[in-house]
Amino acid sequence: MTNQSVTPMVSAPAPIAASSPINVRQWVCLILLALSIGTNAYLWHLWREDRTVAEVAAQSSQELQMVQTQTHYLQQLKTAVDQWNGDLESLRKADENSQIEIEALKTEIKRLQDSRAAYEVFVQNQLRTYQAQWVKQIQAQKRYEVNW
């Protein structure tokens, strides 16, 4: 036998191909590109959300302003209606007082009509009495003239 030692045969590492560093660089570039695209997309999404929030806030501000304007207008209307209700209440009281006065006047008119009717009866009775007296005087005078 020969004195040769037995060494297992381990294959030598394969030499790195010259194109391999380019592949790693390409992968790094692709990853960086993907990250920048993702970041840009996320930033664009945030920008759109911010813009949407700003538009909604502006619209809400306009709607709030409209609601405040309408509230102010409604408060003015309520004030006017309250004033009209007060005026209407005073008119109702005045109408009620007028109705009471009208009833009092109707009662007075009825009393005056009754008094007038009684006076007419009295005057007619007086007239009849005077006519009867006058007729008697004329008859007496005619008798006196005839006798004279």
Protein backbone atom coordinates (compact mmCIF):
# COMPACT_ATOMS: atom_id res chain seq x y z
CA MET A 1 0.00 0.00 0.00
CA THR A 2 1.03 3.29 -0.55
CA ASN A 3 1.36 5.76 2.06
CA GLN A 4 -1.06 8.10 0.82
CA SER A 5 -3.55 9.48 3.14
CA VAL A 6 -7.04 9.27 2.25
CA THR A 7 -8.59 12.60 2.10
CA PRO A 8 -12.08 12.87 1.17
CA MET A 9 -12.67 14.77 -1.89
CA VAL A 10 -14.47 17.96 -1.23
CA SER A 11 -15.24 19.89 -4.20
CA ALA A 12 -14.06 23.40 -4.24
CA PRO A 13 -16.65 26.08 -4.00
CA ALA A 14 -17.92 27.14 -7.30
CA PRO A 15 -16.58 30.42 -8.38
CA ILE A 16 -19.14 33.20 -8.24
CA ALA A 17 -20.19 34.06 -11.65
CA ALA A 18 -19.53 37.52 -12.86
CA SER A 19 -23.21 38.10 -13.47
CA SER A 20 -24.14 37.25 -9.89
CA PRO A 21 -23.34 40.68 -8.34
CA ILE A 22 -25.50 42.28 -11.03
CA ASN A 23 -28.36 40.02 -10.04
CA VAL A 24 -28.01 41.04 -6.39
CA ARG A 25 -27.85 44.66 -7.40
CA GLN A 26 -30.87 44.20 -9.61
CA TRP A 27 -32.75 42.60 -6.73
CA VAL A 28 -31.77 45.42 -4.40
CA CYS A 29 -32.85 47.97 -7.01
CA LEU A 30 -36.14 46.13 -7.54
CA ILE A 31 -36.75 46.02 -3.80
CA LEU A 32 -35.90 49.72 -3.47
CA LEU A 33 -38.09 50.50 -6.48
CA ALA A 34 -40.96 48.51 -4.98
CA LEU A 35 -40.48 50.25 -1.65
CA SER A 36 -40.44 53.69 -3.28
CA ILE A 37 -43.54 52.84 -5.34
CA GLY A 38 -45.28 51.56 -2.22
CA THR A 39 -44.20 54.62 -0.28
CA ASN A 40 -45.37 56.93 -3.06
CA ALA A 41 -48.68 55.08 -3.28
CA TYR A 42 -49.13 55.33 0.49
CA LEU A 43 -48.22 59.04 0.44
CA TRP A 44 -50.62 59.57 -2.47
CA HIS A 45 -53.33 57.74 -0.49
CA LEU A 46 -52.63 59.93 2.57
CA TRP A 47 -52.75 63.03 0.36
CA ARG A 48 -56.14 61.96 -1.06
CA GLU A 49 -57.47 61.27 2.43
CA ASP A 50 -56.22 64.64 3.62
CA ARG A 51 -57.82 66.33 0.62
CA THR A 52 -61.08 64.45 1.19
CA VAL A 53 -61.06 65.43 4.87
CA ALA A 54 -60.39 69.06 3.89
CA GLU A 55 -63.26 68.98 1.36
CA VAL A 56 -65.61 67.41 3.89
CA ALA A 57 -64.53 69.96 6.50
CA ALA A 58 -65.13 72.80 4.04
CA GLN A 59 -68.51 71.35 3.09
CA SER A 60 -69.37 70.82 6.75
CA SER A 61 -68.30 74.40 7.45
CA GLN A 62 -70.58 75.63 4.66
CA GLU A 63 -73.42 73.46 5.92
CA LEU A 64 -72.82 74.70 9.46
CA GLN A 65 -72.89 78.29 8.18
CA MET A 66 -76.17 77.56 6.36
CA VAL A 67 -77.63 75.96 9.49
CA GLN A 68 -76.55 78.96 11.57
CA THR A 69 -78.11 81.32 9.02
CA GLN A 70 -81.33 79.31 8.99
CA THR A 71 -81.34 79.20 12.80
CA HIS A 72 -80.93 82.97 12.95
CA TYR A 73 -83.75 83.40 10.40
CA LEU A 74 -85.99 81.01 12.37
CA GLN A 75 -85.25 82.89 15.59
CA GLN A 76 -86.30 86.12 13.88
CA LEU A 77 -89.48 84.42 12.67
CA LYS A 78 -90.16 83.09 16.17
CA THR A 79 -89.71 86.58 17.59
CA ALA A 80 -92.13 87.97 15.01
CA VAL A 81 -94.64 85.18 15.69
CA ASP A 82 -94.37 85.75 19.45
CA GLN A 83 -94.98 89.46 18.90
CA TRP A 84 -97.96 88.69 16.65
CA ASN A 85 -99.29 86.30 19.29
CA GLY A 86 -99.03 89.08 21.85
CA ASP A 87 -100.79 91.48 19.49
CA LEU A 88 -103.41 88.83 18.75
CA GLU A 89 -103.98 88.27 22.46
CA SER A 90 -104.52 92.00 23.01
CA LEU A 91 -106.89 92.02 20.02
CA ARG A 92 -108.77 89.07 21.51
CA LYS A 93 -109.12 90.92 24.80
CA ALA A 94 -110.25 94.05 22.95
CA ASP A 95 -112.75 91.96 20.97
CA GLU A 96 -114.01 90.36 24.17
CA ASN A 97 -114.41 93.82 25.74
CA SER A 98 -116.18 95.01 22.59
CA GLN A 99 -118.54 92.05 22.77
CA ILE A 100 -119.31 92.92 26.40
CA GLU A 101 -119.93 96.54 25.40
CA ILE A 102 -122.12 95.43 22.48
CA GLU A 103 -124.18 93.26 24.81
CA ALA A 104 -124.52 96.20 27.22
CA LEU A 105 -125.58 98.46 24.34
CA LYS A 106 -128.09 95.86 23.12
CA THR A 107 -129.54 95.70 26.63
CA GLU A 108 -129.69 99.50 26.76
CA ILE A 109 -131.31 99.65 23.30
CA LYS A 110 -133.88 97.07 24.37
CA ARG A 111 -134.60 99.08 27.53
CA LEU A 112 -134.94 102.27 25.47
CA GLN A 113 -137.23 100.53 22.97
CA ASP A 114 -139.40 99.27 25.81
CA SER A 115 -139.39 102.75 27.36
CA ARG A 116 -140.27 104.29 23.99
CA ALA A 117 -143.12 101.84 23.51
CA ALA A 118 -144.41 102.67 26.98
CA TYR A 119 -144.06 106.38 26.25
CA GLU A 120 -145.93 105.96 22.95
CA VAL A 121 -148.74 104.22 24.81
CA PHE A 122 -148.69 107.03 27.37
CA VAL A 123 -148.75 109.70 24.62
CA GLN A 124 -151.58 107.95 22.77
CA ASN A 125 -153.55 107.73 26.00
CA GLN A 126 -152.88 111.43 26.65
CA LEU A 127 -153.88 112.22 23.08
CA ARG A 128 -157.13 110.33 23.48
CA THR A 129 -157.74 112.07 26.77
CA TYR A 130 -157.06 115.50 25.25
CA GLN A 131 -159.13 114.66 22.19
CA ALA A 132 -161.98 113.57 24.41
CA GLN A 133 -161.64 116.78 26.45
CA TRP A 134 -161.43 118.85 23.30
CA VAL A 135 -164.51 117.18 21.85
CA LYS A 136 -166.33 117.87 25.12
CA GLN A 137 -165.23 121.50 25.07
CA ILE A 138 -166.33 121.92 21.45
CA GLN A 139 -169.65 120.30 22.19
CA ALA A 140 -170.08 122.49 25.26
CA GLN A 141 -169.16 125.55 23.26
CA LYS A 142 -171.63 124.62 20.53
CA ARG A 143 -174.33 124.22 23.14
CA TYR A 144 -173.44 127.56 24.61
CA GLU A 145 -173.54 129.20 21.18
CA VAL A 146 -176.83 127.57 20.38
CA ASN A 147 -178.17 128.78 23.64
CA TRP A 148 -176.88 132.22 23.17
